[in-house]
Amino acid sequence: VQLQASGGGLVQAGGSLRLSCAASGRAFSPYGMAWFRQGPGKEREFVAGINWIGDSTYYADSVKGRFTISRDNAKNTVYLQMNTLKPEDTAVYYCATRRYGGAPQVSGAYDYWGQGTQVTVSS
């Protein structure tokens, strides 16, 4: 399974970005997908997750009301719409996929990871 993340960039505080993560590979049969991020000098943290079937979504408290995760099953793609961005959202954003259930916020539950895309929010 390969995950290709894109859509990062430089944006001013209050602006928006939309990240995409396209999955490929014959073994791609996810239970769910998620976005994590790692800021400068910080550990990787959960941002948002979505189950591949159904309507369940999950968000970190720090992004609730500002970020929206969605998916297009036909395109094997998950998106992260990020609005009202803040400087503290600056990080490398990674997408990941998991084959089984469990706590979506736990990075160890994910089997495959993308290469990351840089998001920089200026003040």
Protein backbone atom coordinates (compact mmCIF):
# COMPACT_ATOMS: atom_id res chain seq x y z
CA VAL A 1 0.00 0.00 0.00
CA GLN A 2 1.32 3.43 -0.95
CA LEU A 3 -0.04 6.68 0.40
CA GLN A 4 0.65 9.95 -1.40
CA ALA A 5 -0.09 13.10 0.55
CA SER A 6 -0.32 16.50 -1.08
CA GLY A 7 -1.76 19.96 -0.61
CA GLY A 8 0.55 21.46 1.98
CA GLY A 9 2.01 24.91 1.71
CA LEU A 10 2.48 28.31 3.29
CA VAL A 11 -0.60 30.20 4.41
CA GLN A 12 -1.33 33.16 6.64
CA ALA A 13 -3.11 32.74 9.93
CA GLY A 14 -6.85 32.54 9.39
CA GLY A 15 -6.42 30.98 5.97
CA SER A 16 -7.35 27.55 4.65
CA LEU A 17 -5.70 24.56 3.04
CA ARG A 18 -6.99 21.22 1.81
CA LEU A 19 -4.79 18.17 2.10
CA SER A 20 -5.31 15.05 0.04
CA CYS A 21 -4.04 11.52 0.54
CA ALA A 22 -4.38 9.04 -2.30
CA ALA A 23 -3.94 5.35 -1.60
CA SER A 24 -2.86 2.70 -4.06
CA GLY A 25 -1.90 -0.94 -4.00
CA ARG A 26 -3.72 -4.22 -4.21
CA ALA A 27 -3.51 -4.71 -0.44
CA PHE A 28 -5.45 -1.51 0.24
CA SER A 29 -8.47 -2.60 2.26
CA PRO A 30 -8.75 -0.15 5.09
CA TYR A 31 -10.79 -0.09 8.23
CA GLY A 32 -9.98 3.57 8.58
CA MET A 33 -7.64 6.39 7.68
CA ALA A 34 -6.30 9.32 9.61
CA TRP A 35 -4.13 12.39 9.61
CA PHE A 36 -1.37 12.93 12.12
CA ARG A 37 1.05 15.81 12.41
CA GLN A 38 4.44 16.53 13.87
CA GLY A 39 5.41 20.09 14.67
CA PRO A 40 8.94 21.40 15.24
CA GLY A 41 10.35 19.82 18.38
CA LYS A 42 7.11 17.98 19.09
CA GLU A 43 5.98 14.40 19.01
CA ARG A 44 3.65 13.14 16.35
CA GLU A 45 0.02 13.71 17.29
CA PHE A 46 -3.36 12.60 16.05
CA VAL A 47 -5.36 15.18 14.11
CA ALA A 48 -8.40 13.49 12.59
CA GLY A 49 -9.63 10.05 11.59
CA ILE A 50 -12.40 8.50 9.54
CA ASN A 51 -13.75 4.99 9.11
CA TRP A 52 -13.85 3.70 5.57
CA ILE A 53 -17.42 2.47 5.98
CA GLY A 54 -20.08 4.52 7.74
CA ASP A 55 -20.07 8.04 9.08
CA SER A 56 -17.69 7.87 12.02
CA THR A 57 -15.13 10.64 12.26
CA TYR A 58 -12.76 11.57 15.06
CA TYR A 59 -10.94 14.82 15.85
CA ALA A 60 -8.34 16.10 18.23
CA ASP A 61 -9.75 18.77 20.52
CA SER A 62 -7.31 21.31 19.10
CA VAL A 63 -8.85 21.11 15.62
CA LYS A 64 -12.53 20.49 16.31
CA GLY A 65 -14.71 23.00 14.52
CA ARG A 66 -11.85 24.07 12.22
CA PHE A 67 -10.80 20.90 10.39
CA THR A 68 -12.97 18.44 8.50
CA ILE A 69 -11.93 14.98 7.37
CA SER A 70 -13.71 13.30 4.48
CA ARG A 71 -13.14 10.51 2.01
CA ASP A 72 -13.90 9.44 -1.54
CA ASN A 73 -14.05 5.65 -1.57
CA ALA A 74 -14.15 5.47 -5.35
CA LYS A 75 -10.86 7.38 -5.53
CA ASN A 76 -9.27 5.74 -2.47
CA THR A 77 -8.60 9.23 -1.21
CA VAL A 78 -9.01 10.97 2.12
CA TYR A 79 -9.06 14.73 2.55
CA LEU A 80 -8.43 17.16 5.36
CA GLN A 81 -10.04 20.57 4.97
CA MET A 82 -8.29 22.96 7.32
CA ASN A 83 -9.90 26.32 8.03
CA THR A 84 -9.03 29.17 10.36
CA LEU A 85 -5.45 27.99 10.49
CA LYS A 86 -3.24 29.08 13.37
CA PRO A 87 0.56 29.27 13.65
CA GLU A 88 0.43 26.33 16.06
CA ASP A 89 -0.96 24.19 13.22
CA THR A 90 2.46 24.40 11.56
CA ALA A 91 3.69 20.84 11.14
CA VAL A 92 4.40 18.04 8.74
CA TYR A 93 1.10 16.29 8.15
CA TYR A 94 1.03 12.55 7.60
CA CYS A 95 -1.77 10.34 6.40
CA ALA A 96 -2.06 6.77 7.57
CA THR A 97 -4.30 3.79 7.09
CA ARG A 98 -5.23 0.88 9.34
CA ARG A 99 -6.64 -2.51 8.50
CA TYR A 100 -8.36 -3.21 11.80
CA GLY A 101 -10.46 -1.45 14.39
CA GLY A 102 -9.24 0.01 17.65
CA ALA A 103 -8.56 3.44 19.01
CA PRO A 104 -8.22 5.70 15.96
CA GLN A 105 -6.10 8.19 17.88
CA VAL A 106 -3.28 5.71 18.49
CA SER A 107 -0.51 5.85 15.90
CA GLY A 108 0.43 2.22 16.56
CA ALA A 109 -2.92 1.11 15.15
CA TYR A 110 -1.88 2.23 11.65
CA ASP A 111 -0.13 -0.04 9.21
CA TYR A 112 0.89 2.27 6.39
CA TRP A 113 2.04 5.87 6.35
CA GLY A 114 2.49 8.51 3.70
CA GLN A 115 5.59 10.64 3.29
CA GLY A 116 4.18 13.79 4.85
CA THR A 117 3.36 17.23 3.54
CA GLN A 118 4.53 20.47 5.14
CA VAL A 119 1.99 22.99 6.37
CA THR A 120 3.34 26.34 7.52
CA VAL A 121 1.06 28.99 8.99
CA SER A 122 2.53 32.46 9.35
CA SER A 123 1.30 34.97 11.92
